[in-house]
Each structure stands twice: as structure tokens, then as C-alpha cells.
mmCIF file of all heavy atoms, coordinates in Angstrom:
data_MODEL
# 
_entry.id   MODEL 
# 
loop_
_atom_site.group_PDB 
_atom_site.id 
_atom_site.type_symbol 
_atom_site.label_atom_id 
_atom_site.label_alt_id 
_atom_site.label_comp_id 
_atom_site.label_asym_id 
_atom_site.label_entity_id 
_atom_site.label_seq_id 
_atom_site.pdbx_PDB_ins_code 
_atom_site.Cartn_x 
_atom_site.Cartn_y 
_atom_site.Cartn_z 
_atom_site.occupancy 
_atom_site.B_iso_or_equiv 
_atom_site.pdbx_formal_charge 
_atom_site.auth_seq_id 
_atom_site.auth_comp_id 
_atom_site.auth_asym_id 
_atom_site.auth_atom_id 
_atom_site.pdbx_PDB_model_num 
ATOM 1   N N   . ALA A 1 1  ? 110.455 113.541 47.075 1.00 0.00 ? 1  ALA A N   1 
ATOM 2   C CA  . ALA A 1 1  ? 111.349 113.301 45.955 1.00 0.00 ? 1  ALA A CA  1 
ATOM 3   C C   . ALA A 1 1  ? 112.509 112.445 46.374 1.00 0.00 ? 1  ALA A C   1 
ATOM 4   O O   . ALA A 1 1  ? 112.958 111.530 45.611 1.00 0.00 ? 1  ALA A O   1 
ATOM 5   C CB  . ALA A 1 1  ? 111.884 114.620 45.396 1.00 0.00 ? 1  ALA A CB  1 
ATOM 6   N N   . GLU A 1 2  ? 113.040 112.685 47.553 1.00 0.00 ? 2  GLU A N   1 
ATOM 7   C CA  . GLU A 1 2  ? 114.172 111.903 48.065 1.00 0.00 ? 2  GLU A CA  1 
ATOM 8   C C   . GLU A 1 2  ? 113.783 110.428 48.161 1.00 0.00 ? 2  GLU A C   1 
ATOM 9   O O   . GLU A 1 2  ? 114.559 109.518 47.796 1.00 0.00 ? 2  GLU A O   1 
ATOM 10  C CB  . GLU A 1 2  ? 114.669 112.422 49.380 1.00 0.00 ? 2  GLU A CB  1 
ATOM 11  C CG  . GLU A 1 2  ? 115.375 113.795 49.285 1.00 0.00 ? 2  GLU A CG  1 
ATOM 12  C CD  . GLU A 1 2  ? 114.419 114.939 49.142 1.00 0.00 ? 2  GLU A CD  1 
ATOM 13  O OE1 . GLU A 1 2  ? 113.198 114.732 49.365 1.00 0.00 ? 2  GLU A OE1 1 
ATOM 14  O OE2 . GLU A 1 2  ? 114.863 116.044 48.750 1.00 0.00 ? 2  GLU A OE2 1 
ATOM 15  N N   . GLU A 1 3  ? 112.613 110.149 48.697 1.00 0.00 ? 3  GLU A N   1 
ATOM 16  C CA  . GLU A 1 3  ? 112.141 108.755 48.886 1.00 0.00 ? 3  GLU A CA  1 
ATOM 17  C C   . GLU A 1 3  ? 111.923 108.052 47.546 1.00 0.00 ? 3  GLU A C   1 
ATOM 18  O O   . GLU A 1 3  ? 112.303 106.912 47.351 1.00 0.00 ? 3  GLU A O   1 
ATOM 19  C CB  . GLU A 1 3  ? 110.859 108.711 49.708 1.00 0.00 ? 3  GLU A CB  1 
ATOM 20  C CG  . GLU A 1 3  ? 111.069 109.113 51.180 1.00 0.00 ? 3  GLU A CG  1 
ATOM 21  C CD  . GLU A 1 3  ? 109.758 109.336 51.905 1.00 0.00 ? 3  GLU A CD  1 
ATOM 22  O OE1 . GLU A 1 3  ? 108.756 109.691 51.255 1.00 0.00 ? 3  GLU A OE1 1 
ATOM 23  O OE2 . GLU A 1 3  ? 109.780 109.177 53.135 1.00 0.00 ? 3  GLU A OE2 1 
ATOM 24  N N   . VAL A 1 4  ? 111.330 108.765 46.607 1.00 0.00 ? 4  VAL A N   1 
ATOM 25  C CA  . VAL A 1 4  ? 111.065 108.172 45.298 1.00 0.00 ? 4  VAL A CA  1 
ATOM 26  C C   . VAL A 1 4  ? 112.396 107.912 44.552 1.00 0.00 ? 4  VAL A C   1 
ATOM 27  O O   . VAL A 1 4  ? 112.604 106.854 43.962 1.00 0.00 ? 4  VAL A O   1 
ATOM 28  C CB  . VAL A 1 4  ? 110.168 109.095 44.423 1.00 0.00 ? 4  VAL A CB  1 
ATOM 29  C CG1 . VAL A 1 4  ? 110.086 108.555 43.015 1.00 0.00 ? 4  VAL A CG1 1 
ATOM 30  C CG2 . VAL A 1 4  ? 108.750 109.139 45.055 1.00 0.00 ? 4  VAL A CG2 1 
ATOM 31  N N   . ASP A 1 5  ? 113.307 108.854 44.588 1.00 0.00 ? 5  ASP A N   1 
ATOM 32  C CA  . ASP A 1 5  ? 114.612 108.696 43.914 1.00 0.00 ? 5  ASP A CA  1 
ATOM 33  C C   . ASP A 1 5  ? 115.366 107.503 44.494 1.00 0.00 ? 5  ASP A C   1 
ATOM 34  O O   . ASP A 1 5  ? 115.909 106.697 43.754 1.00 0.00 ? 5  ASP A O   1 
ATOM 35  C CB  . ASP A 1 5  ? 115.416 109.987 44.111 1.00 0.00 ? 5  ASP A CB  1 
ATOM 36  C CG  . ASP A 1 5  ? 116.807 109.878 43.538 1.00 0.00 ? 5  ASP A CG  1 
ATOM 37  O OD1 . ASP A 1 5  ? 116.964 109.615 42.366 1.00 0.00 ? 5  ASP A OD1 1 
ATOM 38  O OD2 . ASP A 1 5  ? 117.787 110.065 44.330 1.00 0.00 ? 5  ASP A OD2 1 
ATOM 39  N N   . ARG A 1 6  ? 115.354 107.364 45.817 1.00 0.00 ? 6  ARG A N   1 
ATOM 40  C CA  . ARG A 1 6  ? 116.043 106.253 46.441 1.00 0.00 ? 6  ARG A CA  1 
ATOM 41  C C   . ARG A 1 6  ? 115.366 104.936 46.118 1.00 0.00 ? 6  ARG A C   1 
ATOM 42  O O   . ARG A 1 6  ? 116.046 103.909 45.933 1.00 0.00 ? 6  ARG A O   1 
ATOM 43  C CB  . ARG A 1 6  ? 116.128 106.468 47.957 1.00 0.00 ? 6  ARG A CB  1 
ATOM 44  C CG  . ARG A 1 6  ? 116.939 107.675 48.370 1.00 0.00 ? 6  ARG A CG  1 
ATOM 45  C CD  . ARG A 1 6  ? 117.337 107.615 49.832 1.00 0.00 ? 6  ARG A CD  1 
ATOM 46  N NE  . ARG A 1 6  ? 116.190 107.475 50.754 1.00 0.00 ? 6  ARG A NE  1 
ATOM 47  C CZ  . ARG A 1 6  ? 115.738 108.423 51.526 1.00 0.00 ? 6  ARG A CZ  1 
ATOM 48  N NH1 . ARG A 1 6  ? 116.253 109.633 51.497 1.00 0.00 ? 6  ARG A NH1 1 
ATOM 49  N NH2 . ARG A 1 6  ? 114.727 108.162 52.347 1.00 0.00 ? 6  ARG A NH2 1 
ATOM 50  N N   . GLN A 1 7  ? 114.053 104.919 46.008 1.00 0.00 ? 7  GLN A N   1 
ATOM 51  C CA  . GLN A 1 7  ? 113.341 103.684 45.616 1.00 0.00 ? 7  GLN A CA  1 
ATOM 52  C C   . GLN A 1 7  ? 113.679 103.264 44.206 1.00 0.00 ? 7  GLN A C   1 
ATOM 53  O O   . GLN A 1 7  ? 113.966 102.092 43.947 1.00 0.00 ? 7  GLN A O   1 
ATOM 54  C CB  . GLN A 1 7  ? 111.813 103.941 45.746 1.00 0.00 ? 7  GLN A CB  1 
ATOM 55  C CG  . GLN A 1 7  ? 110.968 102.728 45.371 1.00 0.00 ? 7  GLN A CG  1 
ATOM 56  C CD  . GLN A 1 7  ? 109.463 103.031 45.392 1.00 0.00 ? 7  GLN A CD  1 
ATOM 57  O OE1 . GLN A 1 7  ? 109.092 104.184 45.614 1.00 0.00 ? 7  GLN A OE1 1 
ATOM 58  N NE2 . GLN A 1 7  ? 108.650 102.033 45.213 1.00 0.00 ? 7  GLN A NE2 1 
ATOM 59  N N   . ILE A 1 8  ? 113.732 104.215 43.318 1.00 0.00 ? 8  ILE A N   1 
ATOM 60  C CA  . ILE A 1 8  ? 114.067 103.913 41.906 1.00 0.00 ? 8  ILE A CA  1 
ATOM 61  C C   . ILE A 1 8  ? 115.498 103.341 41.809 1.00 0.00 ? 8  ILE A C   1 
ATOM 62  O O   . ILE A 1 8  ? 115.741 102.311 41.206 1.00 0.00 ? 8  ILE A O   1 
ATOM 63  C CB  . ILE A 1 8  ? 113.913 105.143 40.998 1.00 0.00 ? 8  ILE A CB  1 
ATOM 64  C CG1 . ILE A 1 8  ? 112.452 105.548 40.902 1.00 0.00 ? 8  ILE A CG1 1 
ATOM 65  C CG2 . ILE A 1 8  ? 114.544 104.898 39.627 1.00 0.00 ? 8  ILE A CG2 1 
ATOM 66  C CD1 . ILE A 1 8  ? 112.222 106.891 40.270 1.00 0.00 ? 8  ILE A CD1 1 
ATOM 67  N N   . ARG A 1 9  ? 116.435 104.016 42.428 1.00 0.00 ? 9  ARG A N   1 
ATOM 68  C CA  . ARG A 1 9  ? 117.828 103.609 42.330 1.00 0.00 ? 9  ARG A CA  1 
ATOM 69  C C   . ARG A 1 9  ? 118.072 102.289 43.120 1.00 0.00 ? 9  ARG A C   1 
ATOM 70  O O   . ARG A 1 9  ? 118.852 101.444 42.690 1.00 0.00 ? 9  ARG A O   1 
ATOM 71  C CB  . ARG A 1 9  ? 118.760 104.728 42.853 1.00 0.00 ? 9  ARG A CB  1 
ATOM 72  C CG  . ARG A 1 9  ? 118.750 105.926 41.960 1.00 0.00 ? 9  ARG A CG  1 
ATOM 73  C CD  . ARG A 1 9  ? 119.772 106.986 42.363 1.00 0.00 ? 9  ARG A CD  1 
ATOM 74  N NE  . ARG A 1 9  ? 119.468 107.587 43.631 1.00 0.00 ? 9  ARG A NE  1 
ATOM 75  C CZ  . ARG A 1 9  ? 120.094 107.382 44.785 1.00 0.00 ? 9  ARG A CZ  1 
ATOM 76  N NH1 . ARG A 1 9  ? 121.166 106.552 44.790 1.00 0.00 ? 9  ARG A NH1 1 
ATOM 77  N NH2 . ARG A 1 9  ? 119.766 108.021 45.894 1.00 0.00 ? 9  ARG A NH2 1 
ATOM 78  N N   . GLY A 1 10 ? 117.420 102.177 44.259 1.00 0.00 ? 10 GLY A N   1 
ATOM 79  C CA  . GLY A 1 10 ? 117.626 100.970 45.077 1.00 0.00 ? 10 GLY A CA  1 
ATOM 80  C C   . GLY A 1 10 ? 117.066 99.703  44.471 1.00 0.00 ? 10 GLY A C   1 
ATOM 81  O O   . GLY A 1 10 ? 117.557 98.628  44.770 1.00 0.00 ? 10 GLY A O   1 
ATOM 82  N N   . LEU A 1 11 ? 115.995 99.824  43.644 1.00 0.00 ? 11 LEU A N   1 
ATOM 83  C CA  . LEU A 1 11 ? 115.401 98.646  43.040 1.00 0.00 ? 11 LEU A CA  1 
ATOM 84  C C   . LEU A 1 11 ? 115.847 98.427  41.606 1.00 0.00 ? 11 LEU A C   1 
ATOM 85  O O   . LEU A 1 11 ? 115.252 97.627  40.891 1.00 0.00 ? 11 LEU A O   1 
ATOM 86  C CB  . LEU A 1 11 ? 113.868 98.778  43.092 1.00 0.00 ? 11 LEU A CB  1 
ATOM 87  C CG  . LEU A 1 11 ? 113.281 98.871  44.491 1.00 0.00 ? 11 LEU A CG  1 
ATOM 88  C CD1 . LEU A 1 11 ? 111.768 98.980  44.445 1.00 0.00 ? 11 LEU A CD1 1 
ATOM 89  C CD2 . LEU A 1 11 ? 113.697 97.660  45.364 1.00 0.00 ? 11 LEU A CD2 1 
ATOM 90  N N   . SER A 1 12 ? 116.873 99.126  41.191 1.00 0.00 ? 12 SER A N   1 
ATOM 91  C CA  . SER A 1 12 ? 117.373 98.985  39.808 1.00 0.00 ? 12 SER A CA  1 
ATOM 92  C C   . SER A 1 12 ? 118.631 98.114  39.797 1.00 0.00 ? 12 SER A C   1 
ATOM 93  O O   . SER A 1 12 ? 119.567 98.359  40.535 1.00 0.00 ? 12 SER A O   1 
ATOM 94  C CB  . SER A 1 12 ? 117.748 100.368 39.216 1.00 0.00 ? 12 SER A CB  1 
ATOM 95  O OG  . SER A 1 12 ? 118.317 100.211 37.913 1.00 0.00 ? 12 SER A OG  1 
ATOM 96  N N   . PRO A 1 13 ? 118.638 97.038  38.971 1.00 0.00 ? 13 PRO A N   1 
ATOM 97  C CA  . PRO A 1 13 ? 117.695 96.732  37.924 1.00 0.00 ? 13 PRO A CA  1 
ATOM 98  C C   . PRO A 1 13 ? 116.559 95.794  38.343 1.00 0.00 ? 13 PRO A C   1 
ATOM 99  O O   . PRO A 1 13 ? 115.614 95.633  37.593 1.00 0.00 ? 13 PRO A O   1 
ATOM 100 C CB  . PRO A 1 13 ? 118.546 96.055  36.866 1.00 0.00 ? 13 PRO A CB  1 
ATOM 101 C CG  . PRO A 1 13 ? 119.536 95.295  37.701 1.00 0.00 ? 13 PRO A CG  1 
ATOM 102 C CD  . PRO A 1 13 ? 119.850 96.165  38.890 1.00 0.00 ? 13 PRO A CD  1 
ATOM 103 N N   . PHE A 1 14 ? 116.713 95.143  39.487 1.00 0.00 ? 14 PHE A N   1 
ATOM 104 C CA  . PHE A 1 14 ? 115.695 94.146  39.883 1.00 0.00 ? 14 PHE A CA  1 
ATOM 105 C C   . PHE A 1 14 ? 115.210 94.431  41.307 1.00 0.00 ? 14 PHE A C   1 
ATOM 106 O O   . PHE A 1 14 ? 116.026 94.695  42.169 1.00 0.00 ? 14 PHE A O   1 
ATOM 107 C CB  . PHE A 1 14 ? 116.297 92.724  39.807 1.00 0.00 ? 14 PHE A CB  1 
ATOM 108 C CG  . PHE A 1 14 ? 115.318 91.641  40.124 1.00 0.00 ? 14 PHE A CG  1 
ATOM 109 C CD1 . PHE A 1 14 ? 114.434 91.182  39.155 1.00 0.00 ? 14 PHE A CD1 1 
ATOM 110 C CD2 . PHE A 1 14 ? 115.234 91.137  41.404 1.00 0.00 ? 14 PHE A CD2 1 
ATOM 111 C CE1 . PHE A 1 14 ? 113.506 90.195  39.473 1.00 0.00 ? 14 PHE A CE1 1 
ATOM 112 C CE2 . PHE A 1 14 ? 114.295 90.142  41.716 1.00 0.00 ? 14 PHE A CE2 1 
ATOM 113 C CZ  . PHE A 1 14 ? 113.420 89.702  40.734 1.00 0.00 ? 14 PHE A CZ  1 
ATOM 114 N N   . PRO A 1 15 ? 113.899 94.337  41.509 1.00 0.00 ? 15 PRO A N   1 
ATOM 115 C CA  . PRO A 1 15 ? 112.874 94.001  40.537 1.00 0.00 ? 15 PRO A CA  1 
ATOM 116 C C   . PRO A 1 15 ? 112.452 95.141  39.651 1.00 0.00 ? 15 PRO A C   1 
ATOM 117 O O   . PRO A 1 15 ? 111.685 94.944  38.682 1.00 0.00 ? 15 PRO A O   1 
ATOM 118 C CB  . PRO A 1 15 ? 111.707 93.627  41.446 1.00 0.00 ? 15 PRO A CB  1 
ATOM 119 C CG  . PRO A 1 15 ? 111.863 94.469  42.689 1.00 0.00 ? 15 PRO A CG  1 
ATOM 120 C CD  . PRO A 1 15 ? 113.382 94.546  42.889 1.00 0.00 ? 15 PRO A CD  1 
ATOM 121 N N   . GLY A 1 16 ? 112.983 96.359  39.889 1.00 0.00 ? 16 GLY A N   1 
ATOM 122 C CA  . GLY A 1 16 ? 112.653 97.515  39.074 1.00 0.00 ? 16 GLY A CA  1 
ATOM 123 C C   . GLY A 1 16 ? 111.421 98.246  39.581 1.00 0.00 ? 16 GLY A C   1 
ATOM 124 O O   . GLY A 1 16 ? 110.315 97.702  39.600 1.00 0.00 ? 16 GLY A O   1 
ATOM 125 N N   . ALA A 1 17 ? 111.628 99.456  40.064 1.00 0.00 ? 17 ALA A N   1 
ATOM 126 C CA  . ALA A 1 17 ? 110.481 100.275 40.455 1.00 0.00 ? 17 ALA A CA  1 
ATOM 127 C C   . ALA A 1 17 ? 109.645 100.574 39.198 1.00 0.00 ? 17 ALA A C   1 
ATOM 128 O O   . ALA A 1 17 ? 110.174 100.634 38.098 1.00 0.00 ? 17 ALA A O   1 
ATOM 129 C CB  . ALA A 1 17 ? 110.963 101.584 41.097 1.00 0.00 ? 17 ALA A CB  1 
ATOM 130 N N   . TRP A 1 18 ? 108.325 100.773 39.392 1.00 0.00 ? 18 TRP A N   1 
ATOM 131 C CA  . TRP A 1 18 ? 107.481 100.990 38.181 1.00 0.00 ? 18 TRP A CA  1 
ATOM 132 C C   . TRP A 1 18 ? 106.356 101.952 38.463 1.00 0.00 ? 18 TRP A C   1 
ATOM 133 O O   . TRP A 1 18 ? 105.996 102.184 39.614 1.00 0.00 ? 18 TRP A O   1 
ATOM 134 C CB  . TRP A 1 18 ? 106.927 99.652  37.674 1.00 0.00 ? 18 TRP A CB  1 
ATOM 135 C CG  . TRP A 1 18 ? 106.011 98.945  38.608 1.00 0.00 ? 18 TRP A CG  1 
ATOM 136 C CD1 . TRP A 1 18 ? 106.372 98.046  39.594 1.00 0.00 ? 18 TRP A CD1 1 
ATOM 137 C CD2 . TRP A 1 18 ? 104.610 99.046  38.701 1.00 0.00 ? 18 TRP A CD2 1 
ATOM 138 N NE1 . TRP A 1 18 ? 105.272 97.602  40.261 1.00 0.00 ? 18 TRP A NE1 1 
ATOM 139 C CE2 . TRP A 1 18 ? 104.165 98.176  39.723 1.00 0.00 ? 18 TRP A CE2 1 
ATOM 140 C CE3 . TRP A 1 18 ? 103.609 99.756  37.984 1.00 0.00 ? 18 TRP A CE3 1 
ATOM 141 C CZ2 . TRP A 1 18 ? 102.808 98.047  40.085 1.00 0.00 ? 18 TRP A CZ2 1 
ATOM 142 C CZ3 . TRP A 1 18 ? 102.291 99.632  38.331 1.00 0.00 ? 18 TRP A CZ3 1 
ATOM 143 C CH2 . TRP A 1 18 ? 101.882 98.767  39.372 1.00 0.00 ? 18 TRP A CH2 1 
ATOM 144 N N   . THR A 1 19 ? 105.863 102.510 37.385 1.00 0.00 ? 19 THR A N   1 
ATOM 145 C CA  . THR A 1 19 ? 104.698 103.376 37.435 1.00 0.00 ? 19 THR A CA  1 
ATOM 146 C C   . THR A 1 19 ? 103.890 103.103 36.164 1.00 0.00 ? 19 THR A C   1 
ATOM 147 O O   . THR A 1 19 ? 104.393 102.479 35.220 1.00 0.00 ? 19 THR A O   1 
ATOM 148 C CB  . THR A 1 19 ? 105.078 104.851 37.505 1.00 0.00 ? 19 THR A CB  1 
ATOM 149 O OG1 . THR A 1 19 ? 103.927 105.619 37.826 1.00 0.00 ? 19 THR A OG1 1 
ATOM 150 C CG2 . THR A 1 19 ? 105.700 105.375 36.220 1.00 0.00 ? 19 THR A CG2 1 
ATOM 151 N N   . GLU A 1 20 ? 102.668 103.534 36.118 1.00 0.00 ? 20 GLU A N   1 
ATOM 152 C CA  . GLU A 1 20 ? 101.853 103.437 34.922 1.00 0.00 ? 20 GLU A CA  1 
ATOM 153 C C   . GLU A 1 20 ? 101.848 104.737 34.153 1.00 0.00 ? 20 GLU A C   1 
ATOM 154 O O   . GLU A 1 20 ? 101.655 105.820 34.735 1.00 0.00 ? 20 GLU A O   1 
ATOM 155 C CB  . GLU A 1 20 ? 100.425 103.022 35.257 1.00 0.00 ? 20 GLU A CB  1 
ATOM 156 C CG  . GLU A 1 20 ? 100.250 101.559 35.654 1.00 0.00 ? 20 GLU A CG  1 
ATOM 157 C CD  . GLU A 1 20 ? 98.849  101.087 35.656 1.00 0.00 ? 20 GLU A CD  1 
ATOM 158 O OE1 . GLU A 1 20 ? 97.924  101.903 35.417 1.00 0.00 ? 20 GLU A OE1 1 
ATOM 159 O OE2 . GLU A 1 20 ? 98.592  99.883  35.930 1.00 0.00 ? 20 GLU A OE2 1 
ATOM 160 N N   . ILE A 1 21 ? 102.136 104.650 32.850 1.00 0.00 ? 21 ILE A N   1 
ATOM 161 C CA  . ILE A 1 21 ? 102.097 105.824 31.981 1.00 0.00 ? 21 ILE A CA  1 
ATOM 162 C C   . ILE A 1 21 ? 101.159 105.526 30.822 1.00 0.00 ? 21 ILE A C   1 
ATOM 163 O O   . ILE A 1 21 ? 101.397 104.560 30.083 1.00 0.00 ? 21 ILE A O   1 
ATOM 164 C CB  . ILE A 1 21 ? 103.495 106.174 31.435 1.00 0.00 ? 21 ILE A CB  1 
ATOM 165 C CG1 . ILE A 1 21 ? 104.513 106.376 32.598 1.00 0.00 ? 21 ILE A CG1 1 
ATOM 166 C CG2 . ILE A 1 21 ? 103.456 107.406 30.567 1.00 0.00 ? 21 ILE A CG2 1 
ATOM 167 C CD1 . ILE A 1 21 ? 105.913 106.677 32.156 1.00 0.00 ? 21 ILE A CD1 1 
ATOM 168 N N   . ASP A 1 22 ? 100.091 106.272 30.708 1.00 0.00 ? 22 ASP A N   1 
ATOM 169 C CA  . ASP A 1 22 ? 99.056  105.992 29.688 1.00 0.00 ? 22 ASP A CA  1 
ATOM 170 C C   . ASP A 1 22 ? 98.610  104.558 29.711 1.00 0.00 ? 22 ASP A C   1 
ATOM 171 O O   . ASP A 1 22 ? 98.441  103.892 28.677 1.00 0.00 ? 22 ASP A O   1 
ATOM 172 C CB  . ASP A 1 22 ? 99.610  106.342 28.297 1.00 0.00 ? 22 ASP A CB  1 
ATOM 173 C CG  . ASP A 1 22 ? 99.648  107.880 28.064 1.00 0.00 ? 22 ASP A CG  1 
ATOM 174 O OD1 . ASP A 1 22 ? 99.081  108.594 28.898 1.00 0.00 ? 22 ASP A OD1 1 
ATOM 175 O OD2 . ASP A 1 22 ? 100.220 108.307 27.078 1.00 0.00 ? 22 ASP A OD2 1 
ATOM 176 N N   . GLY A 1 23 ? 98.436  104.013 30.920 1.00 0.00 ? 23 GLY A N   1 
ATOM 177 C CA  . GLY A 1 23 ? 97.919  102.689 31.074 1.00 0.00 ? 23 GLY A CA  1 
ATOM 178 C C   . GLY A 1 23 ? 98.927  101.570 30.862 1.00 0.00 ? 23 GLY A C   1 
ATOM 179 O O   . GLY A 1 23 ? 98.570  100.386 31.000 1.00 0.00 ? 23 GLY A O   1 
ATOM 180 N N   . GLN A 1 24 ? 100.169 101.896 30.618 1.00 0.00 ? 24 GLN A N   1 
ATOM 181 C CA  . GLN A 1 24 ? 101.240 100.881 30.457 1.00 0.00 ? 24 GLN A CA  1 
ATOM 182 C C   . GLN A 1 24 ? 102.179 100.917 31.647 1.00 0.00 ? 24 GLN A C   1 
ATOM 183 O O   . GLN A 1 24 ? 102.541 101.971 32.140 1.00 0.00 ? 24 GLN A O   1 
ATOM 184 C CB  . GLN A 1 24 ? 102.060 101.159 29.168 1.00 0.00 ? 24 GLN A CB  1 
ATOM 185 C CG  . GLN A 1 24 ? 101.282 101.000 27.889 1.00 0.00 ? 24 GLN A CG  1 
ATOM 186 C CD  . GLN A 1 24 ? 102.215 101.023 26.686 1.00 0.00 ? 24 GLN A CD  1 
ATOM 187 O OE1 . GLN A 1 24 ? 103.286 100.453 26.698 1.00 0.00 ? 24 GLN A OE1 1 
ATOM 188 N NE2 . GLN A 1 24 ? 101.773 101.738 25.638 1.00 0.00 ? 24 GLN A NE2 1 
ATOM 189 N N   . ARG A 1 25 ? 102.549 99.727  32.098 1.00 0.00 ? 25 ARG A N   1 
ATOM 190 C CA  . ARG A 1 25 ? 103.519 99.643  33.202 1.00 0.00 ? 25 ARG A CA  1 
ATOM 191 C C   . ARG A 1 25 ? 104.905 99.903  32.659 1.00 0.00 ? 25 ARG A C   1 
ATOM 192 O O   . ARG A 1 25 ? 105.359 99.300  31.672 1.00 0.00 ? 25 ARG A O   1 
ATOM 193 C CB  . ARG A 1 25 ? 103.467 98.276  33.865 1.00 0.00 ? 25 ARG A CB  1 
ATOM 194 C CG  . ARG A 1 25 ? 104.456 98.142  35.032 1.00 0.00 ? 25 ARG A CG  1 
ATOM 195 C CD  . ARG A 1 25 ? 104.429 96.809  35.699 1.00 0.00 ? 25 ARG A CD  1 
ATOM 196 N NE  . ARG A 1 25 ? 103.173 96.563  36.429 1.00 0.00 ? 25 ARG A NE  1 
ATOM 197 C CZ  . ARG A 1 25 ? 103.059 95.663  37.418 1.00 0.00 ? 25 ARG A CZ  1 
ATOM 198 N NH1 . ARG A 1 25 ? 104.115 94.924  37.767 1.00 0.00 ? 25 ARG A NH1 1 
ATOM 199 N NH2 . ARG A 1 25 ? 101.930 95.550  38.012 1.00 0.00 ? 25 ARG A NH2 1 
ATOM 200 N N   . VAL A 1 26 ? 105.603 100.831 33.256 1.00 0.00 ? 26 VAL A N   1 
ATOM 201 C CA  . VAL A 1 26 ? 106.934 101.209 32.810 1.00 0.00 ? 26 VAL A CA  1 
ATOM 202 C C   . VAL A 1 26 ? 107.921 101.109 34.001 1.00 0.00 ? 26 VAL A C   1 
ATOM 203 O O   . VAL A 1 26 ? 107.626 101.682 35.049 1.00 0.00 ? 26 VAL A O   1 
ATOM 204 C CB  . VAL A 1 26 ? 106.968 102.642 32.231 1.00 0.00 ? 26 VAL A CB  1 
ATOM 205 C CG1 . VAL A 1 26 ? 108.388 103.014 31.805 1.00 0.00 ? 26 VAL A CG1 1 
ATOM 206 C CG2 . VAL A 1 26 ? 106.007 102.760 31.047 1.00 0.00 ? 26 VAL A CG2 1 
ATOM 207 N N   . LYS A 1 27 ? 108.990 100.386 33.825 1.00 0.00 ? 27 LYS A N   1 
ATOM 208 C CA  . LYS A 1 27 ? 110.025 100.347 34.850 1.00 0.00 ? 27 LYS A CA  1 
ATOM 209 C C   . LYS A 1 27 ? 110.861 101.587 34.815 1.00 0.00 ? 27 LYS A C   1 
ATOM 210 O O   . LYS A 1 27 ? 111.193 102.109 33.732 1.00 0.00 ? 27 LYS A O   1 
ATOM 211 C CB  . LYS A 1 27 ? 110.932 99.101  34.645 1.00 0.00 ? 27 LYS A CB  1 
ATOM 212 C CG  . LYS A 1 27 ? 110.343 97.822  35.108 1.00 0.00 ? 27 LYS A CG  1 
ATOM 213 C CD  . LYS A 1 27 ? 111.406 96.695  35.048 1.00 0.00 ? 27 LYS A CD  1 
ATOM 214 C CE  . LYS A 1 27 ? 110.842 95.403  35.571 1.00 0.00 ? 27 LYS A CE  1 
ATOM 215 N NZ  . LYS A 1 27 ? 111.892 94.316  35.590 1.00 0.00 ? 27 LYS A NZ  1 
# 
């Protein structure tokens, strides 16, 4: 959780961490 949280915050706003939700890419 610590690694994911830091990845999200560190890449915001650019390039923006992303995941797929119901087949859609979401930042």
C-alpha cells in the first residue's frame, strides 16, 4: 500500500498513475 500510494502521489498530475477499471484506463 505504501508503494502504490507513493506512486500515485508522485506521478500526479503528470504522467498520472493509472489502472484499468471495467476495461477503461483511469488515472
